[in-house]
Structure formats: C-alpha cells, structure tokens
Protein backbone atom coordinates (compact mmCIF):
# COMPACT_ATOMS: atom_id res chain seq x y z
CA MET A 1 0.00 0.00 0.00
CA GLN A 2 1.32 3.44 -0.94
CA ASP A 3 1.30 6.30 1.48
CA TRP A 4 -0.03 9.79 0.74
CA ALA A 5 3.41 11.37 0.17
CA SER A 6 4.33 9.00 -2.65
CA LYS A 7 0.95 9.49 -4.33
CA SER A 8 1.28 13.27 -4.28
CA ALA A 9 4.77 13.04 -5.78
CA GLU A 10 3.31 11.11 -8.74
CA ARG A 11 0.62 13.69 -9.47
CA ALA A 12 0.92 15.65 -12.66
CA PHE A 13 0.38 19.39 -12.67
CA PHE A 14 -0.76 21.90 -15.24
CA PRO A 15 1.52 24.97 -15.17
CA ARG A 16 0.24 28.51 -15.67
CA ARG A 17 2.19 28.93 -18.93
CA SER A 18 0.16 26.05 -20.40
CA ARG A 19 -3.17 27.78 -19.81
CA ILE A 20 -5.10 30.26 -21.88
CA SER A 21 -6.68 33.00 -19.82
CA ARG A 22 -9.59 35.17 -20.87
CA GLN A 23 -7.25 38.12 -21.40
CA GLN A 24 -5.27 36.15 -23.96
CA GLY A 25 -8.34 35.75 -26.08
CA PHE A 26 -10.64 32.78 -25.92
CA SER A 27 -12.80 34.63 -28.41
CA ALA A 28 -10.06 34.84 -31.05
CA ILE A 29 -9.47 31.10 -30.92
CA LEU A 30 -13.18 30.26 -30.85
CA LYS A 31 -13.58 32.03 -34.20
CA HIS A 32 -11.57 29.26 -35.88
CA ARG A 33 -13.40 26.27 -37.30
CA ALA A 34 -13.74 23.42 -34.81
CA GLN A 35 -13.20 19.70 -35.04
CA THR A 36 -16.36 18.36 -33.41
CA THR A 37 -17.30 15.13 -31.73
CA ARG A 38 -20.53 14.21 -30.04
CA TRP A 39 -19.48 15.87 -26.78
CA PHE A 40 -16.65 18.28 -27.63
CA ALA A 41 -15.64 21.02 -30.05
CA VAL A 42 -11.87 21.48 -30.42
CA HIS A 43 -10.68 24.87 -31.71
CA VAL A 44 -6.99 25.31 -32.59
CA GLN A 45 -4.80 28.28 -33.50
CA SER A 46 -1.01 28.20 -33.89
CA ASN A 47 0.96 30.32 -31.43
CA LEU A 48 4.43 31.70 -30.87
CA ALA A 49 4.55 30.91 -27.15
CA GLY A 50 6.84 27.92 -27.62
CA CYS A 51 4.46 25.47 -25.97
CA ALA A 52 0.94 24.18 -26.31
CA ARG A 53 -1.69 26.04 -24.28
CA LEU A 54 -5.14 24.87 -23.29
CA GLY A 55 -8.44 26.58 -22.56
CA ILE A 56 -11.53 24.68 -21.44
CA THR A 57 -15.14 25.84 -21.40
CA VAL A 58 -17.80 23.82 -19.62
CA SER A 59 -21.12 25.62 -19.34
CA LYS A 60 -23.20 25.64 -16.17
CA ARG A 61 -26.25 25.21 -18.37
CA LEU A 62 -24.98 21.83 -19.54
CA ILE A 63 -23.42 20.64 -16.28
CA PRO A 64 -24.99 22.41 -13.29
CA GLY A 65 -22.89 20.73 -10.60
CA ALA A 66 -19.41 22.14 -9.94
CA VAL A 67 -18.05 18.71 -9.02
CA ASP A 68 -19.11 17.29 -12.37
CA ARG A 69 -17.74 20.29 -14.31
CA ASN A 70 -14.38 19.95 -12.55
CA ARG A 71 -14.28 16.20 -13.25
CA ILE A 72 -14.74 16.89 -16.97
CA LYS A 73 -12.02 19.56 -16.90
CA ARG A 74 -9.60 17.16 -15.20
CA MET A 75 -10.30 14.55 -17.85
CA VAL A 76 -9.66 17.06 -20.66
CA ARG A 77 -6.42 18.29 -19.05
CA GLU A 78 -5.13 14.76 -18.63
CA ASN A 79 -5.79 13.95 -22.29
CA PHE A 80 -4.15 17.21 -23.38
CA ARG A 81 -0.99 16.54 -21.33
CA SER A 82 -0.10 13.59 -23.55
CA PHE A 83 -0.09 15.88 -26.61
CA THR A 84 2.07 18.59 -25.06
CA ARG A 85 4.95 16.13 -24.82
CA ASN A 86 5.00 15.92 -28.62
CA GLY A 87 6.36 19.47 -29.02
CA ILE A 88 3.18 20.97 -30.40
CA GLU A 89 2.96 24.78 -30.45
CA ALA A 90 -0.71 25.69 -30.61
CA ASP A 91 -3.48 27.27 -28.59
CA VAL A 92 -6.32 24.81 -28.09
CA VAL A 93 -9.76 25.60 -26.70
CA ILE A 94 -11.97 22.62 -25.92
CA ARG A 95 -15.65 23.38 -25.51
CA LEU A 96 -18.24 20.97 -24.13
CA ARG A 97 -21.18 20.73 -26.53
CA LEU A 98 -23.45 18.20 -24.86
CA ALA A 99 -24.04 17.11 -21.28
CA LEU A 100 -21.62 14.33 -20.37
CA LYS A 101 -22.64 11.68 -17.88
CA LYS A 102 -20.15 9.74 -15.77
CA LYS A 103 -20.97 6.47 -17.55
CA ASP A 104 -20.02 8.06 -20.91
CA PHE A 105 -16.49 9.10 -19.81
CA PRO A 106 -14.56 6.23 -21.50
CA LEU A 107 -16.21 6.88 -24.86
CA ALA A 108 -15.83 10.65 -24.50
CA LYS A 109 -12.11 10.25 -23.68
CA ALA A 110 -11.59 8.17 -26.82
CA GLU A 111 -13.44 10.72 -28.97
CA LEU A 112 -11.47 13.60 -27.48
CA VAL A 113 -8.14 11.87 -28.19
CA HIS A 114 -9.26 11.19 -31.77
CA ALA A 115 -10.32 14.84 -32.26
CA LEU A 116 -7.05 16.16 -30.79
CA ASN A 117 -5.07 13.83 -33.05
CA ALA A 118 -7.00 15.02 -36.09
CA VAL A 119 -6.63 18.71 -35.32
CA LEU A 120 -3.05 18.76 -34.06
CA ASP A 121 -1.72 16.58 -36.86
CA LYS A 122 -2.84 19.25 -39.32
CA LYS A 123 -0.76 21.93 -37.54
C-alpha cells in the first residue's frame, strides 16, 4: 500500500504557462473552425509561445454541478498533457457541446483523443 506522500509526488500538474486566460483571447481562438465530436468542439490556433496552451469551457447550463464540471475539466487536461509532450505549439480551446454523464467518460475520452489527433496533426 502506498502512502499519501508518494501518491502526491506522482501527481501531474498543469503549469500557468500552459493555460489560456480570458485576457489572452478565448474569443479569437473560438472564431476558428472546430473539429467536433458528439461531446466536444476542439478549436486550434497556432501560437508563438513555444508550448501548447489549453483553454476549457464547460457551461453551467450543460453541467450544473461544480463537481461534475471539474471532473470533466480534469479529464480534458489529462488527455491534453499527452499531446504537449510531442512538441506541439498551438493554442487549443476545448468546448463541451453536450451534457456528459459519468458512464459516458470512457467513450468521451476516446473521442477527445481522436479529435485532438486530427486537429493537431494538421498543424
């Protein structure tokens, strides 16, 4: 059995430089055409920041509970981390299009990975 200290050392983090804030222009990126799946819309714009940056929008109208919204955001961040290791330089905004239930997470993860592959391979 692992203790708490070893588990926290294994946790991944999402640094500030890898995030897109509202001031940096969600709206400019959202104007670009999106790669859509059943649950997500993935908007991409190349950047000069030297690293991939992520923005996530999950509407309260779709997911009213904060716990559920945060769970979806964690899932999106974890999928995005695997792409940042590939040296991609792009701003990516992922928008939730349809309410996502907990039982649909495995399928949604697979669709998100497929959409990210499709969009980021073009860049």
